[in-house]
Amino acid sequence: VLDTLRRELISPAGVLVDLSTGEYNLLVAFVEHPNRVLSREMLMEFAKTRTGDPFDRTIDVQISRLRRKLEADEQSANVIKTVRGAGYLFIPKVSFG
């Protein structure tokens, strides 16, 4: 569960997941655009990271770290899918409430 008012992510077990500002901003971008391929450039814009050149791998590193935190168990595998040559896709069903 992502609580955007408190800027917190709670695991299914009820444990607070520690996210850096960059990881949190990426997660919010994915949640706001579920089941849509987001390019590296779009993610930089949505996540409010510094503008980088096309070869900047900062987003890739942050996504790798975010994946490890979101995919901590086998039941949550493949939360963020890489779409080769296009970007990244957030797979889980998103509901607001």
C-alpha atoms as a PDB file:
ATOM      1  CA  VAL A   1       0.000   0.000   0.000  1.00  0.00           C
ATOM      2  CA  LEU A   2       1.396   3.369  -1.010  1.00  0.00           C
ATOM      3  CA  ASP A   3       0.354   6.215   1.273  1.00  0.00           C
ATOM      4  CA  THR A   4       1.110   9.387  -0.671  1.00  0.00           C
ATOM      5  CA  LEU A   5       0.085  11.670   2.200  1.00  0.00           C
ATOM      6  CA  ARG A   6       2.710  10.140   4.488  1.00  0.00           C
ATOM      7  CA  ARG A   7       5.084   9.250   1.623  1.00  0.00           C
ATOM      8  CA  GLU A   8       5.218   5.669   2.887  1.00  0.00           C
ATOM      9  CA  LEU A   9       5.100   2.225   1.315  1.00  0.00           C
ATOM     10  CA  ILE A  10       3.716  -0.585   3.473  1.00  0.00           C
ATOM     11  CA  SER A  11       4.399  -4.210   2.505  1.00  0.00           C
ATOM     12  CA  PRO A  12       1.619  -6.850   2.497  1.00  0.00           C
ATOM     13  CA  ALA A  13       3.063  -8.011   5.847  1.00  0.00           C
ATOM     14  CA  GLY A  14       2.514  -4.519   7.288  1.00  0.00           C
ATOM     15  CA  VAL A  15       6.196  -3.578   7.302  1.00  0.00           C
ATOM     16  CA  LEU A  16       7.345  -0.091   6.321  1.00  0.00           C
ATOM     17  CA  VAL A  17       9.514  -0.266   3.169  1.00  0.00           C
ATOM     18  CA  ASP A  18      12.344   2.267   3.230  1.00  0.00           C
ATOM     19  CA  LEU A  19      12.457   4.193  -0.074  1.00  0.00           C
ATOM     20  CA  SER A  20      14.837   6.915  -1.178  1.00  0.00           C
ATOM     21  CA  THR A  21      13.278  10.081  -2.589  1.00  0.00           C
ATOM     22  CA  GLY A  22      14.128   8.948  -6.127  1.00  0.00           C
ATOM     23  CA  GLU A  23      12.612   5.489  -5.591  1.00  0.00           C
ATOM     24  CA  TYR A  24       9.466   7.004  -4.074  1.00  0.00           C
ATOM     25  CA  ASN A  25       9.074   9.449  -6.966  1.00  0.00           C
ATOM     26  CA  LEU A  26       9.498   6.622  -9.490  1.00  0.00           C
ATOM     27  CA  LEU A  27       6.920   4.491  -7.693  1.00  0.00           C
ATOM     28  CA  VAL A  28       4.436   7.374  -7.726  1.00  0.00           C
ATOM     29  CA  ALA A  29       5.053   7.826 -11.474  1.00  0.00           C
ATOM     30  CA  PHE A  30       4.390   4.123 -12.069  1.00  0.00           C
ATOM     31  CA  VAL A  31       1.257   4.112  -9.891  1.00  0.00           C
ATOM     32  CA  GLU A  32      -0.113   7.177 -11.687  1.00  0.00           C
ATOM     33  CA  HIS A  33       0.530   5.514 -15.091  1.00  0.00           C
ATOM     34  CA  PRO A  34      -0.167   1.789 -14.588  1.00  0.00           C
ATOM     35  CA  ASN A  35       0.000  -0.656 -17.509  1.00  0.00           C
ATOM     36  CA  ARG A  36       1.627   1.978 -19.687  1.00  0.00           C
ATOM     37  CA  VAL A  37       5.157   1.763 -21.034  1.00  0.00           C
ATOM     38  CA  LEU A  38       7.147   4.692 -19.648  1.00  0.00           C
ATOM     39  CA  SER A  39      10.382   5.659 -21.361  1.00  0.00           C
ATOM     40  CA  ARG A  40      13.488   6.644 -19.419  1.00  0.00           C
ATOM     41  CA  GLU A  41      12.881  10.283 -20.438  1.00  0.00           C
ATOM     42  CA  MET A  42       9.259  10.181 -19.249  1.00  0.00           C
ATOM     43  CA  LEU A  43      10.320   8.679 -15.931  1.00  0.00           C
ATOM     44  CA  MET A  44      12.944  11.402 -15.446  1.00  0.00           C
ATOM     45  CA  GLU A  45      10.253  14.005 -16.025  1.00  0.00           C
ATOM     46  CA  PHE A  46       7.584  12.323 -13.848  1.00  0.00           C
ATOM     47  CA  ALA A  47      10.045  11.542 -11.067  1.00  0.00           C
ATOM     48  CA  LYS A  48      11.429  15.081 -11.135  1.00  0.00           C
ATOM     49  CA  THR A  49      14.996  13.871 -11.418  1.00  0.00           C
ATOM     50  CA  ARG A  50      17.662  15.989 -12.980  1.00  0.00           C
ATOM     51  CA  THR A  51      17.531  16.067 -16.749  1.00  0.00           C
ATOM     52  CA  GLY A  52      20.105  13.763 -18.174  1.00  0.00           C
ATOM     53  CA  ASP A  53      21.438  12.838 -21.538  1.00  0.00           C
ATOM     54  CA  PRO A  54      20.036   9.801 -23.402  1.00  0.00           C
ATOM     55  CA  PHE A  55      22.841   7.652 -21.996  1.00  0.00           C
ATOM     56  CA  ASP A  56      22.169   8.569 -18.347  1.00  0.00           C
ATOM     57  CA  ARG A  57      21.590   5.301 -16.453  1.00  0.00           C
ATOM     58  CA  THR A  58      20.416   6.861 -13.169  1.00  0.00           C
ATOM     59  CA  ILE A  59      16.799   5.812 -13.779  1.00  0.00           C
ATOM     60  CA  ASP A  60      17.893   2.239 -14.519  1.00  0.00           C
ATOM     61  CA  VAL A  61      19.799   2.041 -11.238  1.00  0.00           C
ATOM     62  CA  GLN A  62      16.869   3.446  -9.252  1.00  0.00           C
ATOM     63  CA  ILE A  63      14.456   1.031 -10.947  1.00  0.00           C
ATOM     64  CA  SER A  64      16.773  -1.860 -10.102  1.00  0.00           C
ATOM     65  CA  ARG A  65      16.781  -0.812  -6.438  1.00  0.00           C
ATOM     66  CA  LEU A  66      13.001  -0.280  -6.447  1.00  0.00           C
ATOM     67  CA  ARG A  67      12.466  -3.736  -7.991  1.00  0.00           C
ATOM     68  CA  ARG A  68      14.494  -5.381  -5.212  1.00  0.00           C
ATOM     69  CA  LYS A  69      12.307  -3.699  -2.615  1.00  0.00           C
ATOM     70  CA  LEU A  70       8.996  -4.414  -4.367  1.00  0.00           C
ATOM     71  CA  GLU A  71       9.871  -7.950  -5.419  1.00  0.00           C
ATOM     72  CA  ALA A  72      11.152  -9.082  -2.032  1.00  0.00           C
ATOM     73  CA  ASP A  73       9.234 -12.362  -2.242  1.00  0.00           C
ATOM     74  CA  GLU A  74       8.356 -14.714  -5.071  1.00  0.00           C
ATOM     75  CA  GLN A  75       4.656 -13.785  -5.000  1.00  0.00           C
ATOM     76  CA  SER A  76       5.438 -10.216  -6.085  1.00  0.00           C
ATOM     77  CA  ALA A  77       7.882 -11.096  -8.873  1.00  0.00           C
ATOM     78  CA  ASN A  78       7.828  -9.080 -12.106  1.00  0.00           C
ATOM     79  CA  VAL A  79       6.284  -5.917 -10.651  1.00  0.00           C
ATOM     80  CA  ILE A  80       8.218  -3.704 -13.089  1.00  0.00           C
ATOM     81  CA  LYS A  81       8.766  -5.185 -16.530  1.00  0.00           C
ATOM     82  CA  THR A  82      11.468  -3.984 -18.916  1.00  0.00           C
ATOM     83  CA  VAL A  83      10.176  -3.375 -22.435  1.00  0.00           C
ATOM     84  CA  ARG A  84      13.289  -3.601 -24.550  1.00  0.00           C
ATOM     85  CA  GLY A  85      13.953  -0.430 -26.531  1.00  0.00           C
ATOM     86  CA  ALA A  86      10.901   1.327 -25.079  1.00  0.00           C
ATOM     87  CA  GLY A  87      11.075   1.641 -21.303  1.00  0.00           C
ATOM     88  CA  TYR A  88       9.405   0.137 -18.263  1.00  0.00           C
ATOM     89  CA  LEU A  89       5.916  -1.153 -17.488  1.00  0.00           C
ATOM     90  CA  PHE A  90       4.293  -1.310 -14.031  1.00  0.00           C
ATOM     91  CA  ILE A  91       2.299  -4.550 -13.920  1.00  0.00           C
ATOM     92  CA  PRO A  92       0.255  -4.592 -10.654  1.00  0.00           C
ATOM     93  CA  LYS A  93      -3.371  -3.589 -10.537  1.00  0.00           C
ATOM     94  CA  VAL A  94      -3.658  -0.068  -9.113  1.00  0.00           C
ATOM     95  CA  SER A  95      -6.650   1.103  -7.119  1.00  0.00           C
ATOM     96  CA  PHE A  96      -7.176   4.389  -5.318  1.00  0.00           C
ATOM     97  CA  GLY A  97      -9.031   4.554  -2.096  1.00  0.00           C
END
